[in-house]
Amino acid sequence: MTNNSNSKLLWTLPYVVVAFGLLFSFIGLSEFYNVKIAGQESAYPFGPINENQWYYQNASVYANYNLTSGLMFLAASVLTVWATIKKSRTLVILGIGLTILFFISELISNKVQ
């Protein structure tokens, strides 16, 4: 790869990561809305049913988990967009790294029961 293609990759990758981060942010924040604000708790299997993940303990834990997760992905996405606009390589890499870190933490938390 030449230096020019590395530069193109660096400035193309943020768009993919932002789309990915915004998707996860939307999922987390919409789940928070459904449970905490809209009160659709009966649609979710809370408690020790089917060996659910730890955040299905009750509606409050589930809502707080999804709010936190959604806000983390949103913050990383906003940072990446802002850094891309400012053309700050360091902050773009930080935003991409945070999004990947948050995704890995999502994978790990989904395995904890």
PDB file of N, CA and C in Angstrom:
ATOM      1  N   MET A   1       0.832  -1.190   0.000  1.00  0.00           N
ATOM      2  CA  MET A   1       0.000   0.000   0.000  1.00  0.00           C
ATOM      3  C   MET A   1       0.872   1.246   0.000  1.00  0.00           C
ATOM      4  N   THR A   2       0.468   2.166  -0.774  1.00  0.00           N
ATOM      5  CA  THR A   2       1.210   3.407  -0.807  1.00  0.00           C
ATOM      6  C   THR A   2       0.704   4.317   0.302  1.00  0.00           C
ATOM      7  N   ASN A   3       1.401   5.380   0.512  1.00  0.00           N
ATOM      8  CA  ASN A   3       1.019   6.343   1.539  1.00  0.00           C
ATOM      9  C   ASN A   3      -0.336   6.963   1.225  1.00  0.00           C
ATOM     10  N   ASN A   4      -0.629   7.183  -0.063  1.00  0.00           N
ATOM     11  CA  ASN A   4      -1.908   7.762  -0.466  1.00  0.00           C
ATOM     12  C   ASN A   4      -3.068   6.816  -0.157  1.00  0.00           C
ATOM     13  N   SER A   5      -2.885   5.511  -0.415  1.00  0.00           N
ATOM     14  CA  SER A   5      -3.961   4.557  -0.133  1.00  0.00           C
ATOM     15  C   SER A   5      -4.146   4.375   1.370  1.00  0.00           C
ATOM     16  N   ASN A   6      -3.079   4.495   2.157  1.00  0.00           N
ATOM     17  CA  ASN A   6      -3.214   4.467   3.613  1.00  0.00           C
ATOM     18  C   ASN A   6      -4.029   5.658   4.092  1.00  0.00           C
ATOM     19  N   SER A   7      -3.794   6.795   3.485  1.00  0.00           N
ATOM     20  CA  SER A   7      -4.529   8.002   3.856  1.00  0.00           C
ATOM     21  C   SER A   7      -6.003   7.865   3.499  1.00  0.00           C
ATOM     22  N   LYS A   8      -6.299   7.291   2.327  1.00  0.00           N
ATOM     23  CA  LYS A   8      -7.690   7.084   1.927  1.00  0.00           C
ATOM     24  C   LYS A   8      -8.393   6.119   2.879  1.00  0.00           C
ATOM     25  N   LEU A   9      -7.674   5.057   3.288  1.00  0.00           N
ATOM     26  CA  LEU A   9      -8.247   4.100   4.227  1.00  0.00           C
ATOM     27  C   LEU A   9      -8.534   4.775   5.562  1.00  0.00           C
ATOM     28  N   LEU A  10      -7.620   5.596   6.032  1.00  0.00           N
ATOM     29  CA  LEU A  10      -7.805   6.280   7.304  1.00  0.00           C
ATOM     30  C   LEU A  10      -9.024   7.181   7.266  1.00  0.00           C
ATOM     31  N   TRP A  11      -9.305   7.806   6.136  1.00  0.00           N
ATOM     32  CA  TRP A  11     -10.448   8.716   6.062  1.00  0.00           C
ATOM     33  C   TRP A  11     -11.726   8.033   5.564  1.00  0.00           C
ATOM     34  N   THR A  12     -11.648   6.771   5.104  1.00  0.00           N
ATOM     35  CA  THR A  12     -12.837   6.002   4.739  1.00  0.00           C
ATOM     36  C   THR A  12     -13.339   5.179   5.923  1.00  0.00           C
ATOM     37  N   LEU A  13     -12.437   4.640   6.690  1.00  0.00           N
ATOM     38  CA  LEU A  13     -12.769   3.807   7.839  1.00  0.00           C
ATOM     39  C   LEU A  13     -13.673   4.507   8.854  1.00  0.00           C
ATOM     40  N   PRO A  14     -13.487   5.791   9.133  1.00  0.00           N
ATOM     41  CA  PRO A  14     -14.384   6.442  10.104  1.00  0.00           C
ATOM     42  C   PRO A  14     -15.849   6.399   9.715  1.00  0.00           C
ATOM     43  N   TYR A  15     -16.153   6.466   8.421  1.00  0.00           N
ATOM     44  CA  TYR A  15     -17.550   6.432   7.997  1.00  0.00           C
ATOM     45  C   TYR A  15     -18.187   5.079   8.327  1.00  0.00           C
ATOM     46  N   VAL A  16     -17.445   4.019   8.122  1.00  0.00           N
ATOM     47  CA  VAL A  16     -17.927   2.681   8.446  1.00  0.00           C
ATOM     48  C   VAL A  16     -18.090   2.534   9.956  1.00  0.00           C
ATOM     49  N   VAL A  17     -17.110   2.988  10.711  1.00  0.00           N
ATOM     50  CA  VAL A  17     -17.155   2.876  12.175  1.00  0.00           C
ATOM     51  C   VAL A  17     -18.278   3.730  12.747  1.00  0.00           C
ATOM     52  N   VAL A  18     -18.481   4.916  12.200  1.00  0.00           N
ATOM     53  CA  VAL A  18     -19.573   5.776  12.682  1.00  0.00           C
ATOM     54  C   VAL A  18     -20.924   5.121  12.411  1.00  0.00           C
ATOM     55  N   ALA A  19     -21.099   4.545  11.234  1.00  0.00           N
ATOM     56  CA  ALA A  19     -22.359   3.860  10.928  1.00  0.00           C
ATOM     57  C   ALA A  19     -22.590   2.695  11.890  1.00  0.00           C
ATOM     58  N   PHE A  20     -21.555   1.953  12.146  1.00  0.00           N
ATOM     59  CA  PHE A  20     -21.606   0.837  13.081  1.00  0.00           C
ATOM     60  C   PHE A  20     -21.926   1.333  14.497  1.00  0.00           C
ATOM     61  N   GLY A  21     -21.242   2.368  14.933  1.00  0.00           N
ATOM     62  CA  GLY A  21     -21.473   2.929  16.266  1.00  0.00           C
ATOM     63  C   GLY A  21     -22.860   3.513  16.420  1.00  0.00           C
ATOM     64  N   LEU A  22     -23.343   4.195  15.387  1.00  0.00           N
ATOM     65  CA  LEU A  22     -24.694   4.766  15.453  1.00  0.00           C
ATOM     66  C   LEU A  22     -25.760   3.680  15.470  1.00  0.00           C
ATOM     67  N   LEU A  23     -25.516   2.575  14.775  1.00  0.00           N
ATOM     68  CA  LEU A  23     -26.454   1.457  14.814  1.00  0.00           C
ATOM     69  C   LEU A  23     -26.566   0.905  16.237  1.00  0.00           C
ATOM     70  N   PHE A  24     -25.426   0.660  16.874  1.00  0.00           N
ATOM     71  CA  PHE A  24     -25.445   0.144  18.237  1.00  0.00           C
ATOM     72  C   PHE A  24     -26.001   1.172  19.217  1.00  0.00           C
ATOM     73  N   SER A  25     -25.740   2.429  18.967  1.00  0.00           N
ATOM     74  CA  SER A  25     -26.303   3.481  19.807  1.00  0.00           C
ATOM     75  C   SER A  25     -27.817   3.500  19.685  1.00  0.00           C
ATOM     76  N   PHE A  26     -28.320   3.417  18.471  1.00  0.00           N
ATOM     77  CA  PHE A  26     -29.762   3.401  18.246  1.00  0.00           C
ATOM     78  C   PHE A  26     -30.409   2.202  18.930  1.00  0.00           C
ATOM     79  N   ILE A  27     -29.793   1.034  18.821  1.00  0.00           N
ATOM     80  CA  ILE A  27     -30.348  -0.166  19.452  1.00  0.00           C
ATOM     81  C   ILE A  27     -30.406   0.005  20.964  1.00  0.00           C
ATOM     82  N   GLY A  28     -29.311   0.456  21.572  1.00  0.00           N
ATOM     83  CA  GLY A  28     -29.281   0.624  23.017  1.00  0.00           C
ATOM     84  C   GLY A  28     -30.267   1.661  23.510  1.00  0.00           C
ATOM     85  N   LEU A  29     -30.299   2.805  22.844  1.00  0.00           N
ATOM     86  CA  LEU A  29     -31.195   3.880  23.282  1.00  0.00           C
ATOM     87  C   LEU A  29     -32.659   3.537  23.017  1.00  0.00           C
ATOM     88  N   SER A  30     -32.945   2.793  21.937  1.00  0.00           N
ATOM     89  CA  SER A  30     -34.332   2.407  21.688  1.00  0.00           C
ATOM     90  C   SER A  30     -34.800   1.361  22.701  1.00  0.00           C
ATOM     91  N   GLU A  31     -33.908   0.470  23.114  1.00  0.00           N
ATOM     92  CA  GLU A  31     -34.266  -0.497  24.161  1.00  0.00           C
ATOM     93  C   GLU A  31     -34.517   0.223  25.492  1.00  0.00           C
ATOM     94  N   PHE A  32     -33.698   1.217  25.797  1.00  0.00           N
ATOM     95  CA  PHE A  32     -33.923   2.017  27.000  1.00  0.00           C
ATOM     96  C   PHE A  32     -35.285   2.693  26.932  1.00  0.00           C
ATOM     97  N   TYR A  33     -35.586   3.279  25.791  1.00  0.00           N
ATOM     98  CA  TYR A  33     -36.873   3.949  25.619  1.00  0.00           C
ATOM     99  C   TYR A  33     -38.033   2.974  25.788  1.00  0.00           C
ATOM    100  N   ASN A  34     -37.922   1.807  25.147  1.00  0.00           N
ATOM    101  CA  ASN A  34     -39.004   0.822  25.215  1.00  0.00           C
ATOM    102  C   ASN A  34     -39.299   0.376  26.641  1.00  0.00           C
ATOM    103  N   VAL A  35     -38.255   0.146  27.424  1.00  0.00           N
ATOM    104  CA  VAL A  35     -38.454  -0.397  28.769  1.00  0.00           C
ATOM    105  C   VAL A  35     -38.730   0.698  29.788  1.00  0.00           C
ATOM    106  N   LYS A  36     -37.929   1.757  29.783  1.00  0.00           N
ATOM    107  CA  LYS A  36     -38.012   2.761  30.845  1.00  0.00           C
ATOM    108  C   LYS A  36     -39.085   3.818  30.577  1.00  0.00           C
ATOM    109  N   ILE A  37     -39.198   4.283  29.365  1.00  0.00           N
ATOM    110  CA  ILE A  37     -40.108   5.395  29.070  1.00  0.00           C
ATOM    111  C   ILE A  37     -41.467   4.880  28.575  1.00  0.00           C
ATOM    112  N   ALA A  38     -41.462   3.957  27.607  1.00  0.00           N
ATOM    113  CA  ALA A  38     -42.720   3.447  27.063  1.00  0.00           C
ATOM    114  C   ALA A  38     -43.355   2.387  27.964  1.00  0.00           C
ATOM    115  N   GLY A  39     -42.583   1.827  28.897  1.00  0.00           N
ATOM    116  CA  GLY A  39     -43.117   0.862  29.847  1.00  0.00           C
ATOM    117  C   GLY A  39     -43.497  -0.480  29.254  1.00  0.00           C
ATOM    118  N   GLN A  40     -42.782  -0.927  28.245  1.00  0.00           N
ATOM    119  CA  GLN A  40     -43.087  -2.200  27.600  1.00  0.00           C
ATOM    120  C   GLN A  40     -42.321  -3.352  28.258  1.00  0.00           C
ATOM    121  N   GLU A  41     -42.301  -3.381  29.576  1.00  0.00           N
ATOM    122  CA  GLU A  41     -41.547  -4.394  30.316  1.00  0.00           C
ATOM    123  C   GLU A  41     -42.061  -5.804  30.078  1.00  0.00           C
ATOM    124  N   SER A  42     -43.346  -5.956  29.842  1.00  0.00           N
ATOM    125  CA  SER A  42     -43.922  -7.291  29.688  1.00  0.00           C
ATOM    126  C   SER A  42     -43.438  -7.994  28.414  1.00  0.00           C
ATOM    127  N   ALA A  43     -42.883  -7.246  27.483  1.00  0.00           N
ATOM    128  CA  ALA A  43     -42.402  -7.840  26.228  1.00  0.00           C
ATOM    129  C   ALA A  43     -41.012  -8.464  26.376  1.00  0.00           C
ATOM    130  N   TYR A  44     -40.387  -8.337  27.548  1.00  0.00           N
ATOM    131  CA  TYR A  44     -39.023  -8.811  27.756  1.00  0.00           C
ATOM    132  C   TYR A  44     -38.996  -9.908  28.818  1.00  0.00           C
ATOM    133  N   PRO A  45     -38.168 -10.939  28.621  1.00  0.00           N
ATOM    134  CA  PRO A  45     -38.095 -12.048  29.584  1.00  0.00           C
ATOM    135  C   PRO A  45     -37.138 -11.756  30.741  1.00  0.00           C
ATOM    136  N   PHE A  46     -37.537 -10.917  31.662  1.00  0.00           N
ATOM    137  CA  PHE A  46     -36.661 -10.586  32.786  1.00  0.00           C
ATOM    138  C   PHE A  46     -36.651 -11.718  33.801  1.00  0.00           C
ATOM    139  N   GLY A  47     -35.544 -11.844  34.487  1.00  0.00           N
ATOM    140  CA  GLY A  47     -35.387 -12.891  35.486  1.00  0.00           C
ATOM    141  C   GLY A  47     -34.571 -14.050  34.939  1.00  0.00           C
ATOM    142  N   PRO A  48     -34.457 -15.120  35.717  1.00  0.00           N
ATOM    143  CA  PRO A  48     -33.614 -16.258  35.328  1.00  0.00           C
ATOM    144  C   PRO A  48     -34.305 -17.212  34.349  1.00  0.00           C
ATOM    145  N   ILE A  49     -34.864 -16.666  33.274  1.00  0.00           N
ATOM    146  CA  ILE A  49     -35.530 -17.473  32.263  1.00  0.00           C
ATOM    147  C   ILE A  49     -34.543 -17.756  31.131  1.00  0.00           C
ATOM    148  N   ASN A  50     -34.448 -19.007  30.715  1.00  0.00           N
ATOM    149  CA  ASN A  50     -33.599 -19.392  29.575  1.00  0.00           C
ATOM    150  C   ASN A  50     -32.140 -18.978  29.740  1.00  0.00           C
ATOM    151  N   GLU A  51     -31.654 -18.909  30.947  1.00  0.00           N
ATOM    152  CA  GLU A  51     -30.253 -18.534  31.214  1.00  0.00           C
ATOM    153  C   GLU A  51     -29.884 -17.235  30.501  1.00  0.00           C
ATOM    154  N   ASN A  52     -30.648 -16.199  30.728  1.00  0.00           N
ATOM    155  CA  ASN A  52     -30.402 -14.894  30.113  1.00  0.00           C
ATOM    156  C   ASN A  52     -29.100 -14.277  30.604  1.00  0.00           C
ATOM    157  N   GLN A  53     -28.642 -13.263  29.879  1.00  0.00           N
ATOM    158  CA  GLN A  53     -27.464 -12.524  30.289  1.00  0.00           C
ATOM    159  C   GLN A  53     -27.767 -11.768  31.579  1.00  0.00           C
ATOM    160  N   TRP A  54     -26.723 -11.285  32.234  1.00  0.00           N
ATOM    161  CA  TRP A  54     -26.842 -10.648  33.539  1.00  0.00           C
ATOM    162  C   TRP A  54     -27.740  -9.426  33.513  1.00  0.00           C
ATOM    163  N   TYR A  55     -27.786  -8.713  32.415  1.00  0.00           N
ATOM    164  CA  TYR A  55     -28.557  -7.467  32.390  1.00  0.00           C
ATOM    165  C   TYR A  55     -30.057  -7.706  32.226  1.00  0.00           C
ATOM    166  N   TYR A  56     -30.486  -8.956  32.082  1.00  0.00           N
ATOM    167  CA  TYR A  56     -31.912  -9.281  32.079  1.00  0.00           C
ATOM    168  C   TYR A  56     -32.430  -9.567  33.491  1.00  0.00           C
ATOM    169  N   GLN A  57     -31.648  -9.205  34.506  1.00  0.00           N
ATOM    170  CA  GLN A  57     -32.029  -9.445  35.898  1.00  0.00           C
ATOM    171  C   GLN A  57     -33.391  -8.817  36.215  1.00  0.00           C
ATOM    172  N   ASN A  58     -33.565  -7.563  35.845  1.00  0.00           N
ATOM    173  CA  ASN A  58     -34.857  -6.878  35.987  1.00  0.00           C
ATOM    174  C   ASN A  58     -34.896  -5.707  35.009  1.00  0.00           C
ATOM    175  N   ALA A  59     -36.038  -5.053  34.935  1.00  0.00           N
ATOM    176  CA  ALA A  59     -36.229  -3.984  33.950  1.00  0.00           C
ATOM    177  C   ALA A  59     -35.293  -2.811  34.189  1.00  0.00           C
ATOM    178  N   SER A  60     -35.038  -2.478  35.432  1.00  0.00           N
ATOM    179  CA  SER A  60     -34.185  -1.329  35.744  1.00  0.00           C
ATOM    180  C   SER A  60     -32.738  -1.576  35.301  1.00  0.00           C
ATOM    181  N   VAL A  61     -32.211  -2.749  35.604  1.00  0.00           N
ATOM    182  CA  VAL A  61     -30.834  -3.082  35.203  1.00  0.00           C
ATOM    183  C   VAL A  61     -30.725  -3.084  33.681  1.00  0.00           C
ATOM    184  N   TYR A  62     -31.709  -3.667  33.016  1.00  0.00           N
ATOM    185  CA  TYR A  62     -31.705  -3.741  31.555  1.00  0.00           C
ATOM    186  C   TYR A  62     -31.737  -2.343  30.926  1.00  0.00           C
ATOM    187  N   ALA A  63     -32.608  -1.490  31.456  1.00  0.00           N
ATOM    188  CA  ALA A  63     -32.723  -0.133  30.921  1.00  0.00           C
ATOM    189  C   ALA A  63     -31.432   0.650  31.147  1.00  0.00           C
ATOM    190  N   ASN A  64     -30.864   0.554  32.336  1.00  0.00           N
ATOM    191  CA  ASN A  64     -29.619   1.276  32.632  1.00  0.00           C
ATOM    192  C   ASN A  64     -28.458   0.768  31.787  1.00  0.00           C
ATOM    193  N   TYR A  65     -28.389  -0.552  31.592  1.00  0.00           N
ATOM    194  CA  TYR A  65     -27.340  -1.127  30.752  1.00  0.00           C
ATOM    195  C   TYR A  65     -27.437  -0.590  29.320  1.00  0.00           C
ATOM    196  N   ASN A  66     -28.644  -0.599  28.771  1.00  0.00           N
ATOM    197  CA  ASN A  66     -28.825  -0.138  27.392  1.00  0.00           C
ATOM    198  C   ASN A  66     -28.617   1.367  27.257  1.00  0.00           C
ATOM    199  N   LEU A  67     -29.000   2.134  28.263  1.00  0.00           N
ATOM    200  CA  LEU A  67     -28.733   3.580  28.230  1.00  0.00           C
ATOM    201  C   LEU A  67     -27.231   3.838  28.218  1.00  0.00           C
ATOM    202  N   THR A  68     -26.514   3.167  29.107  1.00  0.00           N
ATOM    203  CA  THR A  68     -25.059   3.340  29.174  1.00  0.00           C
ATOM    204  C   THR A  68     -24.393   2.909  27.871  1.00  0.00           C
ATOM    205  N   SER A  69     -24.781   1.750  27.366  1.00  0.00           N
ATOM    206  CA  SER A  69     -24.209   1.243  26.124  1.00  0.00           C
ATOM    207  C   SER A  69     -24.506   2.185  24.956  1.00  0.00           C
ATOM    208  N   GLY A  70     -25.744   2.636  24.854  1.00  0.00           N
ATOM    209  CA  GLY A  70     -26.125   3.544  23.776  1.00  0.00           C
ATOM    210  C   GLY A  70     -25.374   4.859  23.826  1.00  0.00           C
ATOM    211  N   LEU A  71     -25.216   5.404  25.028  1.00  0.00           N
ATOM    212  CA  LEU A  71     -24.494   6.674  25.169  1.00  0.00           C
ATOM    213  C   LEU A  71     -23.009   6.520  24.884  1.00  0.00           C
ATOM    214  N   MET A  72     -22.421   5.373  25.251  1.00  0.00           N
ATOM    215  CA  MET A  72     -20.998   5.150  24.959  1.00  0.00           C
ATOM    216  C   MET A  72     -20.767   5.102  23.450  1.00  0.00           C
ATOM    217  N   PHE A  73     -21.605   4.350  22.740  1.00  0.00           N
ATOM    218  CA  PHE A  73     -21.464   4.284  21.278  1.00  0.00           C
ATOM    219  C   PHE A  73     -21.754   5.632  20.628  1.00  0.00           C
ATOM    220  N   LEU A  74     -22.714   6.366  21.154  1.00  0.00           N
ATOM    221  CA  LEU A  74     -23.020   7.687  20.611  1.00  0.00           C
ATOM    222  C   LEU A  74     -21.846   8.641  20.810  1.00  0.00           C
ATOM    223  N   ALA A  75     -21.254   8.627  21.996  1.00  0.00           N
ATOM    224  CA  ALA A  75     -20.105   9.497  22.271  1.00  0.00           C
ATOM    225  C   ALA A  75     -18.927   9.160  21.360  1.00  0.00           C
ATOM    226  N   ALA A  76     -18.649   7.875  21.172  1.00  0.00           N
ATOM    227  CA  ALA A  76     -17.548   7.476  20.285  1.00  0.00           C
ATOM    228  C   ALA A  76     -17.837   7.883  18.846  1.00  0.00           C
ATOM    229  N   SER A  77     -19.089   7.773  18.422  1.00  0.00           N
ATOM    230  CA  SER A  77     -19.456   8.161  17.058  1.00  0.00           C
ATOM    231  C   SER A  77     -19.337   9.662  16.855  1.00  0.00           C
ATOM    232  N   VAL A  78     -19.807  10.428  17.833  1.00  0.00           N
ATOM    233  CA  VAL A  78     -19.699  11.893  17.743  1.00  0.00           C
ATOM    234  C   VAL A  78     -18.237  12.314  17.715  1.00  0.00           C
ATOM    235  N   LEU A  79     -17.410  11.697  18.560  1.00  0.00           N
ATOM    236  CA  LEU A  79     -15.981  12.002  18.556  1.00  0.00           C
ATOM    237  C   LEU A  79     -15.364  11.697  17.195  1.00  0.00           C
ATOM    238  N   THR A  80     -15.723  10.563  16.618  1.00  0.00           N
ATOM    239  CA  THR A  80     -15.163  10.184  15.321  1.00  0.00           C
ATOM    240  C   THR A  80     -15.606  11.142  14.222  1.00  0.00           C
ATOM    241  N   VAL A  81     -16.880  11.534  14.226  1.00  0.00           N
ATOM    242  CA  VAL A  81     -17.376  12.490  13.221  1.00  0.00           C
ATOM    243  C   VAL A  81     -16.658  13.823  13.382  1.00  0.00           C
ATOM    244  N   TRP A  82     -16.575  14.305  14.605  1.00  0.00           N
ATOM    245  CA  TRP A  82     -15.928  15.596  14.855  1.00  0.00           C
ATOM    246  C   TRP A  82     -14.458  15.555  14.444  1.00  0.00           C
ATOM    247  N   ALA A  83     -13.781  14.463  14.782  1.00  0.00           N
ATOM    248  CA  ALA A  83     -12.364  14.336  14.425  1.00  0.00           C
ATOM    249  C   ALA A  83     -12.179  14.227  12.918  1.00  0.00           C
ATOM    250  N   THR A  84     -13.115  13.577  12.236  1.00  0.00           N
ATOM    251  CA  THR A  84     -13.033  13.474  10.777  1.00  0.00           C
ATOM    252  C   THR A  84     -13.217  14.840  10.132  1.00  0.00           C
ATOM    253  N   ILE A  85     -14.161  15.608  10.648  1.00  0.00           N
ATOM    254  CA  ILE A  85     -14.372  16.963  10.122  1.00  0.00           C
ATOM    255  C   ILE A  85     -13.136  17.822  10.347  1.00  0.00           C
ATOM    256  N   LYS A  86     -12.536  17.703  11.532  1.00  0.00           N
ATOM    257  CA  LYS A  86     -11.338  18.485  11.854  1.00  0.00           C
ATOM    258  C   LYS A  86     -10.064  17.902  11.248  1.00  0.00           C
ATOM    259  N   LYS A  87     -10.195  16.699  10.659  1.00  0.00           N
ATOM    260  CA  LYS A  87      -9.055  15.983  10.056  1.00  0.00           C
ATOM    261  C   LYS A  87      -7.923  15.752  11.059  1.00  0.00           C
ATOM    262  N   SER A  88      -8.311  15.358  12.266  1.00  0.00           N
ATOM    263  CA  SER A  88      -7.355  15.039  13.312  1.00  0.00           C
ATOM    264  C   SER A  88      -7.146  13.526  13.355  1.00  0.00           C
ATOM    265  N   ARG A  89      -6.013  13.089  12.844  1.00  0.00           N
ATOM    266  CA  ARG A  89      -5.725  11.654  12.784  1.00  0.00           C
ATOM    267  C   ARG A  89      -5.760  11.015  14.169  1.00  0.00           C
ATOM    268  N   THR A  90      -5.187  11.685  15.145  1.00  0.00           N
ATOM    269  CA  THR A  90      -5.125  11.121  16.491  1.00  0.00           C
ATOM    270  C   THR A  90      -6.513  10.885  17.055  1.00  0.00           C
ATOM    271  N   LEU A  91      -7.400  11.854  16.914  1.00  0.00           N
ATOM    272  CA  LEU A  91      -8.747  11.699  17.448  1.00  0.00           C
ATOM    273  C   LEU A  91      -9.585  10.713  16.630  1.00  0.00           C
ATOM    274  N   VAL A  92      -9.338  10.642  15.330  1.00  0.00           N
ATOM    275  CA  VAL A  92     -10.035   9.651  14.514  1.00  0.00           C
ATOM    276  C   VAL A  92      -9.655   8.251  14.990  1.00  0.00           C
ATOM    277  N   ILE A  93      -8.382   8.024  15.189  1.00  0.00           N
ATOM    278  CA  ILE A  93      -7.922   6.722  15.668  1.00  0.00           C
ATOM    279  C   ILE A  93      -8.476   6.439  17.053  1.00  0.00           C
ATOM    280  N   LEU A  94      -8.532   7.453  17.907  1.00  0.00           N
ATOM    281  CA  LEU A  94      -9.110   7.286  19.237  1.00  0.00           C
ATOM    282  C   LEU A  94     -10.592   6.915  19.145  1.00  0.00           C
ATOM    283  N   GLY A  95     -11.347   7.598  18.303  1.00  0.00           N
ATOM    284  CA  GLY A  95     -12.763   7.297  18.126  1.00  0.00           C
ATOM    285  C   GLY A  95     -12.992   5.894  17.599  1.00  0.00           C
ATOM    286  N   ILE A  96     -12.194   5.491  16.626  1.00  0.00           N
ATOM    287  CA  ILE A  96     -12.297   4.138  16.076  1.00  0.00           C
ATOM    288  C   ILE A  96     -11.937   3.115  17.152  1.00  0.00           C
ATOM    289  N   GLY A  97     -10.884   3.394  17.887  1.00  0.00           N
ATOM    290  CA  GLY A  97     -10.458   2.490  18.954  1.00  0.00           C
ATOM    291  C   GLY A  97     -11.513   2.351  20.043  1.00  0.00           C
ATOM    292  N   LEU A  98     -12.131   3.466  20.419  1.00  0.00           N
ATOM    293  CA  LEU A  98     -13.186   3.408  21.433  1.00  0.00           C
ATOM    294  C   LEU A  98     -14.383   2.604  20.950  1.00  0.00           C
ATOM    295  N   THR A  99     -14.768   2.788  19.697  1.00  0.00           N
ATOM    296  CA  THR A  99     -15.889   2.030  19.153  1.00  0.00           C
ATOM    297  C   THR A  99     -15.582   0.541  19.161  1.00  0.00           C
ATOM    298  N   ILE A 100     -14.382   0.172  18.764  1.00  0.00           N
ATOM    299  CA  ILE A 100     -13.994  -1.239  18.779  1.00  0.00           C
ATOM    300  C   ILE A 100     -13.962  -1.769  20.207  1.00  0.00           C
ATOM    301  N   LEU A 101     -13.433  -0.983  21.139  1.00  0.00           N
ATOM    302  CA  LEU A 101     -13.399  -1.375  22.548  1.00  0.00           C
ATOM    303  C   LEU A 101     -14.807  -1.573  23.101  1.00  0.00           C
ATOM    304  N   PHE A 102     -15.717  -0.668  22.779  1.00  0.00           N
ATOM    305  CA  PHE A 102     -17.102  -0.794  23.240  1.00  0.00           C
ATOM    306  C   PHE A 102     -17.770  -2.026  22.632  1.00  0.00           C
ATOM    307  N   PHE A 103     -17.456  -2.326  21.373  1.00  0.00           N
ATOM    308  CA  PHE A 103     -18.015  -3.511  20.738  1.00  0.00           C
ATOM    309  C   PHE A 103     -17.517  -4.780  21.425  1.00  0.00           C
ATOM    310  N   ILE A 104     -16.229  -4.817  21.733  1.00  0.00           N
ATOM    311  CA  ILE A 104     -15.666  -5.974  22.439  1.00  0.00           C
ATOM    312  C   ILE A 104     -16.310  -6.115  23.815  1.00  0.00           C
ATOM    313  N   SER A 105     -16.529  -4.998  24.498  1.00  0.00           N
ATOM    314  CA  SER A 105     -17.178  -5.067  25.813  1.00  0.00           C
ATOM    315  C   SER A 105     -18.614  -5.563  25.685  1.00  0.00           C
ATOM    316  N   GLU A 106     -19.299  -5.215  24.606  1.00  0.00           N
ATOM    317  CA  GLU A 106     -20.639  -5.748  24.344  1.00  0.00           C
ATOM    318  C   GLU A 106     -20.597  -7.260  24.163  1.00  0.00           C
ATOM    319  N   LEU A 107     -19.637  -7.748  23.406  1.00  0.00           N
ATOM    320  CA  LEU A 107     -19.502  -9.182  23.197  1.00  0.00           C
ATOM    321  C   LEU A 107     -19.238  -9.904  24.507  1.00  0.00           C
ATOM    322  N   ILE A 108     -18.371  -9.336  25.325  1.00  0.00           N
ATOM    323  CA  ILE A 108     -18.056  -9.955  26.616  1.00  0.00           C
ATOM    324  C   ILE A 108     -19.265  -9.937  27.528  1.00  0.00           C
ATOM    325  N   SER A 109     -19.961  -8.811  27.616  1.00  0.00           N
ATOM    326  CA  SER A 109     -21.115  -8.719  28.524  1.00  0.00           C
ATOM    327  C   SER A 109     -22.247  -9.625  28.071  1.00  0.00           C
ATOM    328  N   ASN A 110     -22.343  -9.923  26.782  1.00  0.00           N
ATOM    329  CA  ASN A 110     -23.368 -10.845  26.306  1.00  0.00           C
ATOM    330  C   ASN A 110     -23.093 -12.286  26.705  1.00  0.00           C
ATOM    331  N   LYS A 111     -21.834 -12.598  27.016  1.00  0.00           N
ATOM    332  CA  LYS A 111     -21.483 -13.955  27.421  1.00  0.00           C
ATOM    333  C   LYS A 111     -21.597 -14.167  28.928  1.00  0.00           C
ATOM    334  N   VAL A 112     -21.683 -13.083  29.706  1.00  0.00           N
ATOM    335  CA  VAL A 112     -21.775 -13.193  31.160  1.00  0.00           C
ATOM    336  C   VAL A 112     -23.225 -13.480  31.532  1.00  0.00           C
ATOM    337  N   GLN A 113     -23.416 -14.530  32.313  1.00  0.00           N
ATOM    338  CA  GLN A 113     -24.785 -14.902  32.711  1.00  0.00           C
ATOM    339  C   GLN A 113     -24.961 -14.783  34.207  1.00  0.00           C
TER     340      GLN A 113
END
